[in-house]
Amino acid sequence: MKVQKKKPMGKLAAYGLGSAILYACVYLFQEPLLTTAAKGGMYTAVPIATVFLFSWVHGTFAGTLWEVLGINAVKKASVQAPVAAPRKDTRPRATVSA
């Protein structure tokens, strides 16, 4: 019997709203962002941090959207590597004959 999981609609709405707010903020405040990033030094991290934030929020939104739509990655059972039988030691050995 297959158990149906509850669809994460709240998570989808939250990240979708967050993504839309981020895009709106970038378009509304693009001039201060660009002038701050152009100062150099530590301010160079501003566009990089912005990209990471966009990637996390929008990526989570997109992944949740696929999950809500019922499109999931195929989960394969883990394939175990065949266990090799121990080989017989054929190296020459010194023996003592007394």
PDB file of N, CA and C in Angstrom:
ATOM      1  N   MET A   1       0.841  -1.170   0.000  1.00  0.00           N
ATOM      2  CA  MET A   1       0.000   0.000   0.000  1.00  0.00           C
ATOM      3  C   MET A   1       0.887   1.234   0.000  1.00  0.00           C
ATOM      4  N   LYS A   2       0.634   2.109  -0.911  1.00  0.00           N
ATOM      5  CA  LYS A   2       1.445   3.309  -1.049  1.00  0.00           C
ATOM      6  C   LYS A   2       0.847   4.437  -0.202  1.00  0.00           C
ATOM      7  N   VAL A   3       1.682   5.026   0.618  1.00  0.00           N
ATOM      8  CA  VAL A   3       1.236   6.117   1.477  1.00  0.00           C
ATOM      9  C   VAL A   3       1.441   7.428   0.729  1.00  0.00           C
ATOM     10  N   GLN A   4       0.377   8.233   0.664  1.00  0.00           N
ATOM     11  CA  GLN A   4       0.494   9.508  -0.029  1.00  0.00           C
ATOM     12  C   GLN A   4       1.024  10.554   0.935  1.00  0.00           C
ATOM     13  N   LYS A   5       2.063  11.248   0.475  1.00  0.00           N
ATOM     14  CA  LYS A   5       2.625  12.309   1.286  1.00  0.00           C
ATOM     15  C   LYS A   5       1.826  13.585   1.070  1.00  0.00           C
ATOM     16  N   LYS A   6       1.781  14.376   2.098  1.00  0.00           N
ATOM     17  CA  LYS A   6       1.102  15.661   1.999  1.00  0.00           C
ATOM     18  C   LYS A   6       1.966  16.595   1.150  1.00  0.00           C
ATOM     19  N   LYS A   7       1.342  17.285   0.234  1.00  0.00           N
ATOM     20  CA  LYS A   7       2.090  18.184  -0.640  1.00  0.00           C
ATOM     21  C   LYS A   7       2.476  19.452   0.112  1.00  0.00           C
ATOM     22  N   PRO A   8       3.713  19.888  -0.068  1.00  0.00           N
ATOM     23  CA  PRO A   8       4.208  21.043   0.695  1.00  0.00           C
ATOM     24  C   PRO A   8       3.760  22.374   0.084  1.00  0.00           C
ATOM     25  N   MET A   9       2.480  22.650   0.174  1.00  0.00           N
ATOM     26  CA  MET A   9       1.948  23.876  -0.431  1.00  0.00           C
ATOM     27  C   MET A   9       2.419  25.130   0.311  1.00  0.00           C
ATOM     28  N   GLY A  10       2.528  25.050   1.639  1.00  0.00           N
ATOM     29  CA  GLY A  10       2.994  26.206   2.408  1.00  0.00           C
ATOM     30  C   GLY A  10       4.427  26.573   2.061  1.00  0.00           C
ATOM     31  N   LYS A  11       5.267  25.546   1.932  1.00  0.00           N
ATOM     32  CA  LYS A  11       6.665  25.775   1.560  1.00  0.00           C
ATOM     33  C   LYS A  11       6.750  26.368   0.160  1.00  0.00           C
ATOM     34  N   LEU A  12       5.916  25.859  -0.741  1.00  0.00           N
ATOM     35  CA  LEU A  12       5.892  26.375  -2.112  1.00  0.00           C
ATOM     36  C   LEU A  12       5.497  27.850  -2.127  1.00  0.00           C
ATOM     37  N   ALA A  13       4.455  28.189  -1.378  1.00  0.00           N
ATOM     38  CA  ALA A  13       3.994  29.583  -1.347  1.00  0.00           C
ATOM     39  C   ALA A  13       5.037  30.492  -0.711  1.00  0.00           C
ATOM     40  N   ALA A  14       5.670  30.029   0.369  1.00  0.00           N
ATOM     41  CA  ALA A  14       6.659  30.864   1.058  1.00  0.00           C
ATOM     42  C   ALA A  14       7.868  31.141   0.166  1.00  0.00           C
ATOM     43  N   TYR A  15       8.392  30.107  -0.467  1.00  0.00           N
ATOM     44  CA  TYR A  15       9.576  30.318  -1.310  1.00  0.00           C
ATOM     45  C   TYR A  15       9.217  31.027  -2.616  1.00  0.00           C
ATOM     46  N   GLY A  16       8.025  30.822  -3.105  1.00  0.00           N
ATOM     47  CA  GLY A  16       7.589  31.554  -4.297  1.00  0.00           C
ATOM     48  C   GLY A  16       7.456  33.033  -4.006  1.00  0.00           C
ATOM     49  N   LEU A  17       6.878  33.337  -2.852  1.00  0.00           N
ATOM     50  CA  LEU A  17       6.755  34.737  -2.447  1.00  0.00           C
ATOM     51  C   LEU A  17       8.134  35.342  -2.188  1.00  0.00           C
ATOM     52  N   GLY A  18       8.996  34.571  -1.547  1.00  0.00           N
ATOM     53  CA  GLY A  18      10.358  35.052  -1.295  1.00  0.00           C
ATOM     54  C   GLY A  18      11.112  35.317  -2.586  1.00  0.00           C
ATOM     55  N   SER A  19      10.935  34.441  -3.553  1.00  0.00           N
ATOM     56  CA  SER A  19      11.600  34.617  -4.840  1.00  0.00           C
ATOM     57  C   SER A  19      11.084  35.872  -5.545  1.00  0.00           C
ATOM     58  N   ALA A  20       9.780  36.068  -5.517  1.00  0.00           N
ATOM     59  CA  ALA A  20       9.206  37.256  -6.157  1.00  0.00           C
ATOM     60  C   ALA A  20       9.679  38.530  -5.464  1.00  0.00           C
ATOM     61  N   ILE A  21       9.768  38.500  -4.128  1.00  0.00           N
ATOM     62  CA  ILE A  21      10.248  39.676  -3.389  1.00  0.00           C
ATOM     63  C   ILE A  21      11.707  39.968  -3.725  1.00  0.00           C
ATOM     64  N   LEU A  22      12.517  38.918  -3.828  1.00  0.00           N
ATOM     65  CA  LEU A  22      13.925  39.128  -4.183  1.00  0.00           C
ATOM     66  C   LEU A  22      14.069  39.760  -5.561  1.00  0.00           C
ATOM     67  N   TYR A  23      13.312  39.247  -6.537  1.00  0.00           N
ATOM     68  CA  TYR A  23      13.393  39.834  -7.878  1.00  0.00           C
ATOM     69  C   TYR A  23      12.936  41.279  -7.865  1.00  0.00           C
ATOM     70  N   ALA A  24      11.865  41.564  -7.136  1.00  0.00           N
ATOM     71  CA  ALA A  24      11.368  42.948  -7.062  1.00  0.00           C
ATOM     72  C   ALA A  24      12.404  43.857  -6.412  1.00  0.00           C
ATOM     73  N   CYS A  25      13.055  43.368  -5.353  1.00  0.00           N
ATOM     74  CA  CYS A  25      14.071  44.182  -4.668  1.00  0.00           C
ATOM     75  C   CYS A  25      15.268  44.470  -5.571  1.00  0.00           C
ATOM     76  N   VAL A  26      15.689  43.487  -6.320  1.00  0.00           N
ATOM     77  CA  VAL A  26      16.832  43.713  -7.211  1.00  0.00           C
ATOM     78  C   VAL A  26      16.478  44.743  -8.283  1.00  0.00           C
ATOM     79  N   TYR A  27      15.269  44.648  -8.827  1.00  0.00           N
ATOM     80  CA  TYR A  27      14.902  45.621  -9.858  1.00  0.00           C
ATOM     81  C   TYR A  27      14.676  47.005  -9.273  1.00  0.00           C
ATOM     82  N   LEU A  28      14.150  47.076  -8.058  1.00  0.00           N
ATOM     83  CA  LEU A  28      13.898  48.376  -7.448  1.00  0.00           C
ATOM     84  C   LEU A  28      15.175  49.030  -6.930  1.00  0.00           C
ATOM     85  N   PHE A  29      16.096  48.213  -6.419  1.00  0.00           N
ATOM     86  CA  PHE A  29      17.306  48.759  -5.795  1.00  0.00           C
ATOM     87  C   PHE A  29      18.558  48.393  -6.581  1.00  0.00           C
ATOM     88  N   GLN A  30      18.466  48.328  -7.882  1.00  0.00           N
ATOM     89  CA  GLN A  30      19.615  47.916  -8.667  1.00  0.00           C
ATOM     90  C   GLN A  30      20.730  48.967  -8.637  1.00  0.00           C
ATOM     91  N   GLU A  31      20.386  50.235  -8.609  1.00  0.00           N
ATOM     92  CA  GLU A  31      21.412  51.273  -8.614  1.00  0.00           C
ATOM     93  C   GLU A  31      22.252  51.251  -7.324  1.00  0.00           C
ATOM     94  N   PRO A  32      21.624  51.211  -6.128  1.00  0.00           N
ATOM     95  CA  PRO A  32      22.458  51.114  -4.920  1.00  0.00           C
ATOM     96  C   PRO A  32      23.272  49.824  -4.869  1.00  0.00           C
ATOM     97  N   LEU A  33      22.722  48.728  -5.363  1.00  0.00           N
ATOM     98  CA  LEU A  33      23.478  47.475  -5.367  1.00  0.00           C
ATOM     99  C   LEU A  33      24.708  47.576  -6.262  1.00  0.00           C
ATOM    100  N   LEU A  34      24.527  48.181  -7.427  1.00  0.00           N
ATOM    101  CA  LEU A  34      25.652  48.299  -8.362  1.00  0.00           C
ATOM    102  C   LEU A  34      26.719  49.255  -7.829  1.00  0.00           C
ATOM    103  N   THR A  35      26.316  50.370  -7.259  1.00  0.00           N
ATOM    104  CA  THR A  35      27.313  51.315  -6.747  1.00  0.00           C
ATOM    105  C   THR A  35      28.049  50.738  -5.541  1.00  0.00           C
ATOM    106  N   THR A  36      27.340  49.978  -4.716  1.00  0.00           N
ATOM    107  CA  THR A  36      27.991  49.346  -3.567  1.00  0.00           C
ATOM    108  C   THR A  36      28.993  48.294  -4.032  1.00  0.00           C
ATOM    109  N   ALA A  37      28.605  47.496  -5.009  1.00  0.00           N
ATOM    110  CA  ALA A  37      29.498  46.444  -5.504  1.00  0.00           C
ATOM    111  C   ALA A  37      30.700  47.035  -6.227  1.00  0.00           C
ATOM    112  N   ALA A  38      30.538  48.217  -6.816  1.00  0.00           N
ATOM    113  CA  ALA A  38      31.636  48.839  -7.565  1.00  0.00           C
ATOM    114  C   ALA A  38      32.687  49.456  -6.657  1.00  0.00           C
ATOM    115  N   LYS A  39      32.441  49.556  -5.360  1.00  0.00           N
ATOM    116  CA  LYS A  39      33.425  50.139  -4.450  1.00  0.00           C
ATOM    117  C   LYS A  39      34.661  49.256  -4.312  1.00  0.00           C
ATOM    118  N   GLY A  40      34.502  47.977  -4.582  1.00  0.00           N
ATOM    119  CA  GLY A  40      35.632  47.067  -4.494  1.00  0.00           C
ATOM    120  C   GLY A  40      35.850  46.582  -3.077  1.00  0.00           C
ATOM    121  N   GLY A  41      36.939  45.869  -2.882  1.00  0.00           N
ATOM    122  CA  GLY A  41      37.246  45.343  -1.553  1.00  0.00           C
ATOM    123  C   GLY A  41      36.206  44.325  -1.104  1.00  0.00           C
ATOM    124  N   MET A  42      35.789  44.477   0.138  1.00  0.00           N
ATOM    125  CA  MET A  42      34.807  43.549   0.697  1.00  0.00           C
ATOM    126  C   MET A  42      33.438  43.681   0.030  1.00  0.00           C
ATOM    127  N   TYR A  43      33.183  44.844  -0.586  1.00  0.00           N
ATOM    128  CA  TYR A  43      31.894  45.053  -1.240  1.00  0.00           C
ATOM    129  C   TYR A  43      31.734  44.200  -2.491  1.00  0.00           C
ATOM    130  N   THR A  44      32.834  43.637  -2.941  1.00  0.00           N
ATOM    131  CA  THR A  44      32.761  42.753  -4.105  1.00  0.00           C
ATOM    132  C   THR A  44      31.941  41.500  -3.788  1.00  0.00           C
ATOM    133  N   ALA A  45      31.844  41.173  -2.508  1.00  0.00           N
ATOM    134  CA  ALA A  45      31.087  39.985  -2.108  1.00  0.00           C
ATOM    135  C   ALA A  45      29.575  40.199  -2.206  1.00  0.00           C
ATOM    136  N   VAL A  46      29.135  41.447  -2.350  1.00  0.00           N
ATOM    137  CA  VAL A  46      27.689  41.719  -2.398  1.00  0.00           C
ATOM    138  C   VAL A  46      27.007  41.003  -3.565  1.00  0.00           C
ATOM    139  N   PRO A  47      27.513  41.130  -4.803  1.00  0.00           N
ATOM    140  CA  PRO A  47      26.830  40.412  -5.889  1.00  0.00           C
ATOM    141  C   PRO A  47      26.939  38.896  -5.748  1.00  0.00           C
ATOM    142  N   ILE A  48      28.051  38.425  -5.192  1.00  0.00           N
ATOM    143  CA  ILE A  48      28.206  36.976  -5.012  1.00  0.00           C
ATOM    144  C   ILE A  48      27.206  36.473  -3.981  1.00  0.00           C
ATOM    145  N   ALA A  49      27.073  37.194  -2.881  1.00  0.00           N
ATOM    146  CA  ALA A  49      26.101  36.802  -1.859  1.00  0.00           C
ATOM    147  C   ALA A  49      24.680  36.889  -2.401  1.00  0.00           C
ATOM    148  N   THR A  50      24.434  37.886  -3.236  1.00  0.00           N
ATOM    149  CA  THR A  50      23.102  38.028  -3.830  1.00  0.00           C
ATOM    150  C   THR A  50      22.778  36.833  -4.721  1.00  0.00           C
ATOM    151  N   VAL A  51      23.740  36.415  -5.494  1.00  0.00           N
ATOM    152  CA  VAL A  51      23.530  35.268  -6.381  1.00  0.00           C
ATOM    153  C   VAL A  51      23.287  33.994  -5.570  1.00  0.00           C
ATOM    154  N   PHE A  52      24.063  33.808  -4.499  1.00  0.00           N
ATOM    155  CA  PHE A  52      23.849  32.623  -3.660  1.00  0.00           C
ATOM    156  C   PHE A  52      22.456  32.655  -3.024  1.00  0.00           C
ATOM    157  N   LEU A  53      22.024  33.815  -2.579  1.00  0.00           N
ATOM    158  CA  LEU A  53      20.692  33.935  -1.987  1.00  0.00           C
ATOM    159  C   LEU A  53      19.604  33.620  -3.011  1.00  0.00           C
ATOM    160  N   PHE A  54      19.758  34.170  -4.217  1.00  0.00           N
ATOM    161  CA  PHE A  54      18.795  33.885  -5.284  1.00  0.00           C
ATOM    162  C   PHE A  54      18.788  32.397  -5.615  1.00  0.00           C
ATOM    163  N   SER A  55      19.949  31.823  -5.690  1.00  0.00           N
ATOM    164  CA  SER A  55      20.053  30.409  -6.039  1.00  0.00           C
ATOM    165  C   SER A  55      19.357  29.541  -5.005  1.00  0.00           C
ATOM    166  N   TRP A  56      19.562  29.839  -3.742  1.00  0.00           N
ATOM    167  CA  TRP A  56      18.949  29.039  -2.679  1.00  0.00           C
ATOM    168  C   TRP A  56      17.422  29.196  -2.672  1.00  0.00           C
ATOM    169  N   VAL A  57      16.946  30.444  -2.711  1.00  0.00           N
ATOM    170  CA  VAL A  57      15.497  30.676  -2.615  1.00  0.00           C
ATOM    171  C   VAL A  57      14.785  30.178  -3.866  1.00  0.00           C
ATOM    172  N   HIS A  58      15.273  30.551  -5.030  1.00  0.00           N
ATOM    173  CA  HIS A  58      14.604  30.149  -6.265  1.00  0.00           C
ATOM    174  C   HIS A  58      14.762  28.652  -6.522  1.00  0.00           C
ATOM    175  N   GLY A  59      15.912  28.101  -6.168  1.00  0.00           N
ATOM    176  CA  GLY A  59      16.105  26.663  -6.346  1.00  0.00           C
ATOM    177  C   GLY A  59      15.186  25.853  -5.452  1.00  0.00           C
ATOM    178  N   THR A  60      15.010  26.290  -4.230  1.00  0.00           N
ATOM    179  CA  THR A  60      14.087  25.599  -3.326  1.00  0.00           C
ATOM    180  C   THR A  60      12.655  25.727  -3.828  1.00  0.00           C
ATOM    181  N   PHE A  61      12.302  26.902  -4.334  1.00  0.00           N
ATOM    182  CA  PHE A  61      10.964  27.092  -4.900  1.00  0.00           C
ATOM    183  C   PHE A  61      10.740  26.167  -6.093  1.00  0.00           C
ATOM    184  N   ALA A  62      11.711  26.106  -6.992  1.00  0.00           N
ATOM    185  CA  ALA A  62      11.554  25.261  -8.183  1.00  0.00           C
ATOM    186  C   ALA A  62      11.486  23.783  -7.812  1.00  0.00           C
ATOM    187  N   GLY A  63      12.322  23.347  -6.875  1.00  0.00           N
ATOM    188  CA  GLY A  63      12.293  21.954  -6.448  1.00  0.00           C
ATOM    189  C   GLY A  63      10.973  21.578  -5.789  1.00  0.00           C
ATOM    190  N   THR A  64      10.454  22.495  -4.977  1.00  0.00           N
ATOM    191  CA  THR A  64       9.172  22.249  -4.318  1.00  0.00           C
ATOM    192  C   THR A  64       8.042  22.250  -5.334  1.00  0.00           C
ATOM    193  N   LEU A  65       8.135  23.096  -6.334  1.00  0.00           N
ATOM    194  CA  LEU A  65       7.109  23.117  -7.385  1.00  0.00           C
ATOM    195  C   LEU A  65       7.056  21.780  -8.112  1.00  0.00           C
ATOM    196  N   TRP A  66       8.209  21.233  -8.446  1.00  0.00           N
ATOM    197  CA  TRP A  66       8.231  19.920  -9.106  1.00  0.00           C
ATOM    198  C   TRP A  66       7.646  18.852  -8.203  1.00  0.00           C
ATOM    199  N   GLU A  67       7.951  18.944  -6.921  1.00  0.00           N
ATOM    200  CA  GLU A  67       7.431  17.958  -5.969  1.00  0.00           C
ATOM    201  C   GLU A  67       5.912  18.057  -5.866  1.00  0.00           C
ATOM    202  N   VAL A  68       5.378  19.270  -5.841  1.00  0.00           N
ATOM    203  CA  VAL A  68       3.929  19.453  -5.764  1.00  0.00           C
ATOM    204  C   VAL A  68       3.260  18.935  -7.044  1.00  0.00           C
ATOM    205  N   LEU A  69       3.935  19.124  -8.165  1.00  0.00           N
ATOM    206  CA  LEU A  69       3.375  18.649  -9.440  1.00  0.00           C
ATOM    207  C   LEU A  69       3.494  17.137  -9.587  1.00  0.00           C
ATOM    208  N   GLY A  70       4.200  16.514  -8.681  1.00  0.00           N
ATOM    209  CA  GLY A  70       4.311  15.057  -8.708  1.00  0.00           C
ATOM    210  C   GLY A  70       5.450  14.548  -9.562  1.00  0.00           C
ATOM    211  N   ILE A  71       6.347  15.414  -9.908  1.00  0.00           N
ATOM    212  CA  ILE A  71       7.491  15.015 -10.730  1.00  0.00           C
ATOM    213  C   ILE A  71       8.698  14.902  -9.817  1.00  0.00           C
ATOM    214  N   ASN A  72       9.122  13.690  -9.594  1.00  0.00           N
ATOM    215  CA  ASN A  72      10.236  13.433  -8.689  1.00  0.00           C
ATOM    216  C   ASN A  72      11.321  12.663  -9.422  1.00  0.00           C
ATOM    217  N   ALA A  73      12.503  12.773  -8.908  1.00  0.00           N
ATOM    218  CA  ALA A  73      13.616  12.021  -9.467  1.00  0.00           C
ATOM    219  C   ALA A  73      13.418  10.543  -9.154  1.00  0.00           C
ATOM    220  N   VAL A  74      13.873   9.732 -10.060  1.00  0.00           N
ATOM    221  CA  VAL A  74      13.781   8.295  -9.857  1.00  0.00           C
ATOM    222  C   VAL A  74      14.783   7.901  -8.786  1.00  0.00           C
ATOM    223  N   LYS A  75      14.279   7.171  -7.822  1.00  0.00           N
ATOM    224  CA  LYS A  75      15.167   6.718  -6.757  1.00  0.00           C
ATOM    225  C   LYS A  75      15.482   5.259  -7.002  1.00  0.00           C
ATOM    226  N   LYS A  76      16.717   5.015  -7.318  1.00  0.00           N
ATOM    227  CA  LYS A  76      17.143   3.649  -7.566  1.00  0.00           C
ATOM    228  C   LYS A  76      17.617   3.018  -6.273  1.00  0.00           C
ATOM    229  N   ALA A  77      17.386   1.742  -6.188  1.00  0.00           N
ATOM    230  CA  ALA A  77      17.905   1.023  -5.036  1.00  0.00           C
ATOM    231  C   ALA A  77      19.417   1.018  -5.127  1.00  0.00           C
ATOM    232  N   SER A  78      20.033   1.104  -4.002  1.00  0.00           N
ATOM    233  CA  SER A  78      21.491   1.146  -4.008  1.00  0.00           C
ATOM    234  C   SER A  78      22.038  -0.169  -4.559  1.00  0.00           C
ATOM    235  N   VAL A  79      22.964  -0.002  -5.430  1.00  0.00           N
ATOM    236  CA  VAL A  79      23.585  -1.173  -6.041  1.00  0.00           C
ATOM    237  C   VAL A  79      24.847  -1.483  -5.268  1.00  0.00           C
ATOM    238  N   GLN A  80      24.903  -2.682  -4.762  1.00  0.00           N
ATOM    239  CA  GLN A  80      26.091  -3.058  -4.019  1.00  0.00           C
ATOM    240  C   GLN A  80      27.076  -3.707  -4.976  1.00  0.00           C
ATOM    241  N   ALA A  81      28.288  -3.312  -4.817  1.00  0.00           N
ATOM    242  CA  ALA A  81      29.335  -3.891  -5.651  1.00  0.00           C
ATOM    243  C   ALA A  81      29.506  -5.362  -5.259  1.00  0.00           C
ATOM    244  N   PRO A  82      29.697  -6.202  -6.253  1.00  0.00           N
ATOM    245  CA  PRO A  82      29.882  -7.615  -5.917  1.00  0.00           C
ATOM    246  C   PRO A  82      31.134  -7.793  -5.066  1.00  0.00           C
ATOM    247  N   VAL A  83      30.977  -8.622  -4.091  1.00  0.00           N
ATOM    248  CA  VAL A  83      32.094  -8.870  -3.180  1.00  0.00           C
ATOM    249  C   VAL A  83      32.994  -9.926  -3.820  1.00  0.00           C
ATOM    250  N   ALA A  84      34.231  -9.535  -4.017  1.00  0.00           N
ATOM    251  CA  ALA A  84      35.174 -10.468  -4.627  1.00  0.00           C
ATOM    252  C   ALA A  84      35.600 -11.511  -3.602  1.00  0.00           C
ATOM    253  N   ALA A  85      35.664 -12.739  -4.072  1.00  0.00           N
ATOM    254  CA  ALA A  85      36.129 -13.803  -3.195  1.00  0.00           C
ATOM    255  C   ALA A  85      37.610 -13.598  -2.925  1.00  0.00           C
ATOM    256  N   PRO A  86      38.058 -13.879  -1.735  1.00  0.00           N
ATOM    257  CA  PRO A  86      39.480 -13.694  -1.437  1.00  0.00           C
ATOM    258  C   PRO A  86      40.327 -14.601  -2.329  1.00  0.00           C
ATOM    259  N   ARG A  87      41.362 -13.991  -2.901  1.00  0.00           N
ATOM    260  CA  ARG A  87      42.218 -14.757  -3.800  1.00  0.00           C
ATOM    261  C   ARG A  87      43.215 -15.570  -3.002  1.00  0.00           C
ATOM    262  N   LYS A  88      43.553 -16.690  -3.579  1.00  0.00           N
ATOM    263  CA  LYS A  88      44.553 -17.532  -2.945  1.00  0.00           C
ATOM    264  C   LYS A  88      45.913 -16.881  -3.125  1.00  0.00           C
ATOM    265  N   ASP A  89      46.679 -16.825  -2.063  1.00  0.00           N
ATOM    266  CA  ASP A  89      47.988 -16.193  -2.104  1.00  0.00           C
ATOM    267  C   ASP A  89      48.950 -17.130  -2.830  1.00  0.00           C
ATOM    268  N   THR A  90      49.400 -16.703  -3.998  1.00  0.00           N
ATOM    269  CA  THR A  90      50.287 -17.552  -4.804  1.00  0.00           C
ATOM    270  C   THR A  90      51.729 -17.070  -4.796  1.00  0.00           C
ATOM    271  N   ARG A  91      52.035 -16.127  -3.919  1.00  0.00           N
ATOM    272  CA  ARG A  91      53.410 -15.614  -3.889  1.00  0.00           C
ATOM    273  C   ARG A  91      54.353 -16.704  -3.366  1.00  0.00           C
ATOM    274  N   PRO A  92      55.553 -16.731  -3.913  1.00  0.00           N
ATOM    275  CA  PRO A  92      56.504 -17.731  -3.420  1.00  0.00           C
ATOM    276  C   PRO A  92      56.912 -17.422  -1.981  1.00  0.00           C
ATOM    277  N   ARG A  93      57.075 -18.457  -1.224  1.00  0.00           N
ATOM    278  CA  ARG A  93      57.417 -18.311   0.201  1.00  0.00           C
ATOM    279  C   ARG A  93      58.712 -19.079   0.474  1.00  0.00           C
ATOM    280  N   ALA A  94      59.475 -18.550   1.361  1.00  0.00           N
ATOM    281  CA  ALA A  94      60.686 -19.256   1.794  1.00  0.00           C
ATOM    282  C   ALA A  94      60.281 -20.301   2.825  1.00  0.00           C
ATOM    283  N   THR A  95      60.844 -21.457   2.691  1.00  0.00           N
ATOM    284  CA  THR A  95      60.535 -22.521   3.648  1.00  0.00           C
ATOM    285  C   THR A  95      61.824 -23.032   4.268  1.00  0.00           C
ATOM    286  N   VAL A  96      61.748 -23.542   5.442  1.00  0.00           N
ATOM    287  CA  VAL A  96      62.901 -24.088   6.144  1.00  0.00           C
ATOM    288  C   VAL A  96      62.748 -25.602   6.162  1.00  0.00           C
ATOM    289  N   SER A  97      63.773 -26.292   5.632  1.00  0.00           N
ATOM    290  CA  SER A  97      63.741 -27.742   5.651  1.00  0.00           C
ATOM    291  C   SER A  97      64.794 -28.226   6.651  1.00  0.00           C
ATOM    292  N   ALA A  98      64.394 -28.782   7.722  1.00  0.00           N
ATOM    293  CA  ALA A  98      65.352 -29.225   8.723  1.00  0.00           C
ATOM    294  C   ALA A  98      65.466 -30.718   8.749  1.00  0.00           C
TER     295      ALA A  98
END
